[in-house]
Structures are given as C-alpha cells and as structure tokens.
C-alpha cells in the first residue's frame, strides 16, 4: 500500500486559503492512484477553539473538498475537520473518503486536549473507526490520542495493520511526537503514519516532522520542518511475516485488552 503524507503550513482560520494550498501541494506532486493520502488534524482551519467560525455547517465544504480530491486522483483521502456535537460543542474528526466519494470512516478524537482547553469546546468521541484500504486495515487517531497507548492496542486487537495519527503537535514537544509514534509501531507491530502541520498559529509553533515508521520501529520517512509531500510504500506482506515470526501480539491478554473479545465483530467501524 502506498501512503502519501501532506504537510502544510496552515493559515489560521482561513479555509479557502488552506484548501487551495493543499490542492497546490498535490498538483506539484500528484499521488499515485490507489494511494492513501493523509492530511493533518484541522488542516483547513488550524487548531482553533472558535468552533462557531470553523465548524463545517450544512454545506460541508471540507468534506466535499476531501471527496473531490479522492475522486480526482483515484485515492483514499484522510484528513481532519470540525463538525458540531449534539451537545453544542464541536467534534474534532478524522474523515476518510474513498475514490468514489463515499465516506469510509468518520472518527471523533477520543481525547480532547485538556491542557489547551479543547475539552471545553470539543466533545470526545466514543468509538474506534477502522476501515480497509488496499489490503490494509487502517485505524485513524488524532494528536493527543497518541499519549494513550490503550486505544492503539484496541485497534490492533481489532485487526489494524496501519495506525494513522493526524496532528497539530507543537514544536516544544516534538521529541514526544517522534518517540511516541515509534513506540506505537513497535508495541503493536504495525506501520505507524504520523502527519503533522508545520509553521505557526497565533499561539503555537509547529515542527512538521511527519513520519512513517515501520513495525520494527525504523523511521522510513521524515518530512522535516517545511511544507511538502512525501510518499512511502507499506509492505503488508513483510508485516504479516514479521508478526508470524515474532508473534508477540498473540500474547496480548484478553483480561487486560477487552477488545480482544470483540475481534471480528467490528461493530464500531465506519
């Protein structure tokens, strides 16, 4: 499976500018058909608490943009957007759209970032949202979720082979970003894709450093600090062989990983 990482410098609360920027980045380096194209958390607006200004609304402009990209290039696109929660707060979501324009998964961030005040403005999600693409079982996560290994383990217990984290992860904690992504890959014997933004907003600087990490913890792609696009091929046959040769996942304890009891059910998937 081919994965394409798109790392923009997001313009603060300017959806039109950000959608145009993503389109320009991809036009300069078009993704191959069949790729999984990944964009950062809230890529169209920035990590803003101004939900009324940035929420999708009934016309769903960011969702329509993702669907248009997917159809145009014949790919699956995964990117972050903001919708409205029933309780009036926002929902920080990762949306995956296939090449026919159909939503493959809609995942709401399980862990709003209390330290930045996100819990006051965004309601937490309640389920995983795995989907299948090009022979991989993909589990999307968002930024602060990365600090909670149990949800990545739950996804692995449900069959995930590719764990994707979209983020607005700050420069001040870039070492955490890198080390946690590597840890999630090693402990789950999975490919890990982390797509971050670069640049700055009015509050925070961002380092970029979007990564692809293989199941043994080796960094295969590091996009560095600036805007750009990078691609990697994920060898799913090699992943299966590694899991068979070093079967650590078979020793997960059902009494400590409840998702093991749900293996094969997948009732919470998009």
Protein backbone atom coordinates (compact mmCIF):
# COMPACT_ATOMS: atom_id res chain seq x y z
CA UNK A 1 0.00 0.00 0.00
CA UNK A 2 1.24 3.45 -0.88
CA UNK A 3 0.74 6.27 1.63
CA UNK A 4 1.18 9.96 0.83
CA UNK A 5 1.85 12.49 3.61
CA UNK A 6 0.82 16.12 3.05
CA UNK A 7 2.42 18.63 5.45
CA UNK A 8 1.10 22.21 5.03
CA UNK A 9 1.73 25.44 6.91
CA UNK A 10 -1.91 26.00 7.86
CA UNK A 11 -3.30 29.54 7.54
CA UNK A 12 -5.18 30.49 10.70
CA UNK A 13 -8.95 30.09 10.33
CA UNK A 14 -8.83 30.59 6.55
CA UNK A 15 -10.50 27.60 4.95
CA UNK A 16 -10.29 28.87 1.37
CA UNK A 17 -6.54 29.54 1.63
CA UNK A 18 -5.84 26.14 3.17
CA UNK A 19 -7.88 24.15 0.66
CA UNK A 20 -6.11 25.98 -2.16
CA UNK A 21 -2.73 25.28 -0.53
CA UNK A 22 -3.38 21.55 -0.23
CA UNK A 23 -4.53 21.39 -3.83
CA UNK A 24 -1.36 23.20 -4.97
CA UNK A 25 0.89 20.86 -2.99
CA UNK A 26 -0.76 17.81 -4.54
CA UNK A 27 -0.75 19.26 -8.06
CA UNK A 28 3.02 19.70 -7.75
CA UNK A 29 3.47 16.08 -6.64
CA UNK A 30 0.36 14.08 -7.63
CA UNK A 31 -0.40 10.94 -5.63
CA UNK A 32 -0.48 7.64 -7.49
CA UNK A 33 -3.94 6.11 -7.92
CA UNK A 34 -4.81 3.79 -5.06
CA UNK A 35 -2.74 5.73 -2.52
CA UNK A 36 -3.88 6.66 0.97
CA UNK A 37 -3.40 10.45 1.15
CA UNK A 38 -3.19 11.82 4.69
CA UNK A 39 -3.69 15.46 5.78
CA UNK A 40 -3.22 16.90 9.30
CA UNK A 41 -5.73 17.49 12.06
CA UNK A 42 -7.97 20.52 11.30
CA UNK A 43 -5.89 21.10 8.17
CA UNK A 44 -8.45 23.56 6.73
CA UNK A 45 -8.64 25.93 9.70
CA UNK A 46 -5.89 25.32 12.27
CA UNK A 47 -6.21 24.12 15.87
CA UNK A 48 -8.79 26.74 16.87
CA UNK A 49 -11.26 26.80 19.74
CA UNK A 50 -13.52 29.13 17.72
CA UNK A 51 -15.98 26.37 16.84
CA UNK A 52 -18.70 28.68 15.51
CA UNK A 53 -16.30 30.10 12.92
CA UNK A 54 -14.67 26.88 11.75
CA UNK A 55 -17.42 24.24 12.05
CA UNK A 56 -18.39 22.56 8.77
CA UNK A 57 -22.04 23.58 8.72
CA UNK A 58 -24.71 22.15 6.40
CA UNK A 59 -22.72 22.76 3.18
CA UNK A 60 -19.78 20.64 4.49
CA UNK A 61 -17.04 22.43 2.49
CA UNK A 62 -14.07 20.49 3.88
CA UNK A 63 -15.81 17.15 3.50
CA UNK A 64 -16.71 17.98 -0.10
CA UNK A 65 -13.11 19.02 -0.73
CA UNK A 66 -11.80 15.69 0.57
CA UNK A 67 -14.28 13.82 -1.63
CA UNK A 68 -13.25 15.87 -4.65
CA UNK A 69 -9.56 15.11 -4.06
CA UNK A 70 -10.33 11.42 -3.68
CA UNK A 71 -12.29 11.31 -6.93
CA UNK A 72 -9.80 13.45 -8.85
CA UNK A 73 -6.78 11.30 -8.04
CA UNK A 74 -8.43 7.91 -7.56
CA UNK A 75 -7.22 7.68 -3.97
CA UNK A 76 -8.50 7.45 -0.41
CA UNK A 77 -8.05 10.72 1.48
CA UNK A 78 -7.91 11.02 5.27
CA UNK A 79 -7.98 14.47 6.85
CA UNK A 80 -9.18 16.44 9.85
CA UNK A 81 -12.26 18.64 10.11
CA UNK A 82 -14.69 20.06 12.68
CA UNK A 83 -18.36 19.17 12.94
CA UNK A 84 -20.99 20.01 15.55
CA UNK A 85 -21.64 17.72 18.51
CA UNK A 86 -25.23 17.21 19.72
CA UNK A 87 -24.27 18.96 22.97
CA UNK A 88 -23.38 22.15 21.08
CA UNK A 89 -19.62 21.73 21.23
CA UNK A 90 -17.51 20.82 18.25
CA UNK A 91 -16.29 17.38 17.21
CA UNK A 92 -12.66 17.14 16.16
CA UNK A 93 -12.86 14.45 13.47
CA UNK A 94 -10.75 12.46 11.07
CA UNK A 95 -12.66 11.64 7.90
CA UNK A 96 -11.62 9.04 5.32
CA UNK A 97 -13.19 9.29 1.86
CA UNK A 98 -12.73 6.77 -0.94
CA UNK A 99 -12.25 7.43 -4.67
CA UNK A 100 -15.97 7.08 -5.35
CA UNK A 101 -16.64 9.90 -2.86
CA UNK A 102 -18.04 7.59 -0.20
CA UNK A 103 -17.10 8.11 3.47
CA UNK A 104 -15.09 5.07 4.57
CA UNK A 105 -14.64 6.13 8.22
CA UNK A 106 -15.56 9.02 10.50
CA UNK A 107 -13.56 9.11 13.71
CA UNK A 108 -14.02 11.64 16.53
CA UNK A 109 -10.97 12.35 18.71
CA UNK A 110 -11.28 10.23 21.84
CA UNK A 111 -9.11 12.52 23.97
CA UNK A 112 -9.65 16.28 23.61
CA UNK A 113 -6.52 18.13 24.78
CA UNK A 114 -7.45 19.46 28.22
CA UNK A 115 -4.14 21.38 28.57
CA UNK A 116 -5.11 23.63 25.64
CA UNK A 117 -8.76 23.99 26.65
CA UNK A 118 -10.07 21.63 23.98
CA UNK A 119 -12.34 19.80 26.42
CA UNK A 120 -14.39 22.98 26.90
CA UNK A 121 -15.00 23.39 23.18
CA UNK A 122 -14.97 19.85 21.75
CA UNK A 123 -16.88 16.75 22.82
CA UNK A 124 -14.92 13.47 22.93
CA UNK A 125 -15.59 10.60 20.58
CA UNK A 126 -16.62 7.19 21.87
CA UNK A 127 -15.57 4.60 19.27
CA UNK A 128 -12.78 3.49 17.00
CA UNK A 129 -13.41 3.73 13.25
CA UNK A 130 -11.33 1.21 11.33
CA UNK A 131 -11.56 0.85 7.56
CA UNK A 132 -9.99 -1.32 4.87
CA UNK A 133 -7.85 0.06 2.08
CA UNK A 134 -5.55 -1.69 -0.41
CA UNK A 135 -5.14 -4.75 1.79
CA UNK A 136 -4.51 -2.78 4.98
CA UNK A 137 -6.79 -2.31 7.96
CA UNK A 138 -6.39 1.36 8.88
CA UNK A 139 -7.14 2.96 12.25
CA UNK A 140 -7.18 6.79 12.40
CA UNK A 141 -6.33 8.73 15.55
CA UNK A 142 -5.87 12.43 16.32
CA UNK A 143 -2.93 14.18 18.02
CA UNK A 144 -3.32 13.87 21.84
CA UNK A 145 -4.67 10.33 21.36
CA UNK A 146 -1.02 9.41 20.80
CA UNK A 147 -0.39 9.58 24.57
CA UNK A 148 -2.95 6.83 25.24
CA UNK A 149 -1.48 3.52 24.03
CA UNK A 150 -4.51 1.51 25.10
CA UNK A 151 -6.62 2.83 22.20
CA UNK A 152 -3.93 1.89 19.68
CA UNK A 153 -3.78 -1.55 21.28
CA UNK A 154 -7.56 -1.84 21.00
CA UNK A 155 -7.32 -1.03 17.29
CA UNK A 156 -4.59 -3.63 16.83
CA UNK A 157 -6.76 -6.21 18.61
CA UNK A 158 -9.45 -5.44 16.02
CA UNK A 159 -7.03 -6.20 13.21
CA UNK A 160 -5.38 -2.84 12.45
CA UNK A 161 -2.15 -3.04 10.48
CA UNK A 162 -1.73 0.69 9.79
CA UNK A 163 -2.16 3.20 12.63
CA UNK A 164 -2.53 6.79 11.40
CA UNK A 165 -2.26 9.84 13.66
CA UNK A 166 -3.13 13.27 12.24
CA UNK A 167 -1.98 16.16 14.37
CA UNK A 168 -1.23 19.75 15.25
CA UNK A 169 1.65 18.68 17.53
CA UNK A 170 3.77 21.59 18.83
CA UNK A 171 7.50 22.17 18.40
CA UNK A 172 8.05 22.29 22.15
CA UNK A 173 7.13 18.59 22.37
CA UNK A 174 8.50 17.34 19.05
CA UNK A 175 10.65 14.72 20.81
CA UNK A 176 7.49 13.26 22.34
CA UNK A 177 5.87 13.17 18.90
CA UNK A 178 8.71 11.16 17.40
CA UNK A 179 9.24 8.80 20.31
CA UNK A 180 5.56 8.04 20.83
CA UNK A 181 5.00 7.27 17.16
CA UNK A 182 7.95 4.87 17.22
CA UNK A 183 6.65 3.25 20.41
CA UNK A 184 3.18 2.72 18.94
CA UNK A 185 4.76 0.98 15.93
CA UNK A 186 7.00 -1.32 17.99
CA UNK A 187 4.43 -2.37 20.58
CA UNK A 188 1.68 -3.02 18.02
CA UNK A 189 3.90 -4.49 15.29
CA UNK A 190 2.19 -2.12 12.87
CA UNK A 191 3.01 0.57 10.39
CA UNK A 192 2.53 3.97 12.00
CA UNK A 193 1.89 7.12 9.98
CA UNK A 194 2.01 10.49 11.75
CA UNK A 195 1.06 13.59 9.75
CA UNK A 196 1.64 16.94 11.42
CA UNK A 197 1.44 20.55 10.26
CA UNK A 198 4.34 22.99 10.12
CA UNK A 199 4.59 26.76 10.61
CA UNK A 200 2.80 28.65 13.38
CA UNK A 201 -0.59 29.90 14.53
CA UNK A 202 -1.20 32.83 16.92
CA UNK A 203 -0.44 30.57 19.89
CA UNK A 204 1.95 27.76 18.94
CA UNK A 205 4.85 26.86 16.66
CA UNK A 206 4.70 23.53 14.80
CA UNK A 207 7.67 21.42 13.69
CA UNK A 208 6.22 19.37 10.86
CA UNK A 209 8.24 16.13 11.14
CA UNK A 210 5.55 13.93 9.62
CA UNK A 211 6.77 10.34 9.86
CA UNK A 212 6.28 6.84 8.55
CA UNK A 213 7.54 4.19 11.00
CA UNK A 214 7.76 0.52 10.16
CA UNK A 215 6.68 -2.31 12.51
CA UNK A 216 10.21 -2.71 13.89
CA UNK A 217 10.40 0.97 14.84
CA UNK A 218 12.56 2.19 11.95
CA UNK A 219 11.66 5.64 10.62
CA UNK A 220 11.16 5.26 6.87
CA UNK A 221 10.04 8.82 6.08
CA UNK A 222 10.67 12.09 7.93
CA UNK A 223 9.25 15.12 6.10
CA UNK A 224 11.33 17.60 8.08
CA UNK A 225 10.28 21.10 9.06
CA UNK A 226 8.83 22.71 5.94
CA UNK A 227 5.82 22.33 3.70
CA UNK A 228 5.90 19.31 1.47
CA UNK A 229 4.58 15.96 0.27
CA UNK A 230 6.24 12.58 0.72
CA UNK A 231 5.26 9.01 -0.15
CA UNK A 232 6.13 5.58 1.19
CA UNK A 233 5.22 2.03 0.26
CA UNK A 234 4.00 -0.06 3.18
CA UNK A 235 4.96 -3.72 2.70
CA UNK A 236 1.98 -5.55 4.14
CA UNK A 237 3.35 -8.98 3.25
CA UNK A 238 6.52 -8.23 5.20
CA UNK A 239 4.38 -7.02 8.09
CA UNK A 240 2.42 -10.28 8.15
CA UNK A 241 5.65 -12.29 8.00
CA UNK A 242 7.16 -10.31 10.88
CA UNK A 243 4.07 -10.82 13.04
CA UNK A 244 4.18 -14.55 12.29
CA UNK A 245 7.92 -14.88 13.00
CA UNK A 246 7.78 -12.82 16.22
CA UNK A 247 4.22 -13.44 17.44
CA UNK A 248 4.13 -11.01 20.36
CA UNK A 249 0.56 -9.93 19.58
CA UNK A 250 -0.65 -13.47 20.24
CA UNK A 251 0.32 -12.97 23.88
CA UNK A 252 -1.97 -10.00 24.47
CA UNK A 253 -4.15 -10.72 27.50
CA UNK A 254 -7.94 -10.62 26.94
CA UNK A 255 -8.42 -9.70 30.59
CA UNK A 256 -6.35 -6.54 30.04
CA UNK A 257 -7.28 -5.81 26.41
CA UNK A 258 -11.08 -6.13 26.26
CA UNK A 259 -11.05 -5.50 22.51
CA UNK A 260 -9.63 -8.97 22.04
CA UNK A 261 -13.05 -10.35 22.93
CA UNK A 262 -14.51 -8.22 20.13
CA UNK A 263 -12.09 -9.45 17.47
CA UNK A 264 -14.00 -9.91 14.22
CA UNK A 265 -17.12 -8.03 15.29
CA UNK A 266 -16.12 -4.50 14.23
CA UNK A 267 -19.49 -3.03 15.18
CA UNK A 268 -17.99 0.43 15.72
CA UNK A 269 -16.42 0.88 12.30
CA UNK A 270 -17.26 3.44 9.69
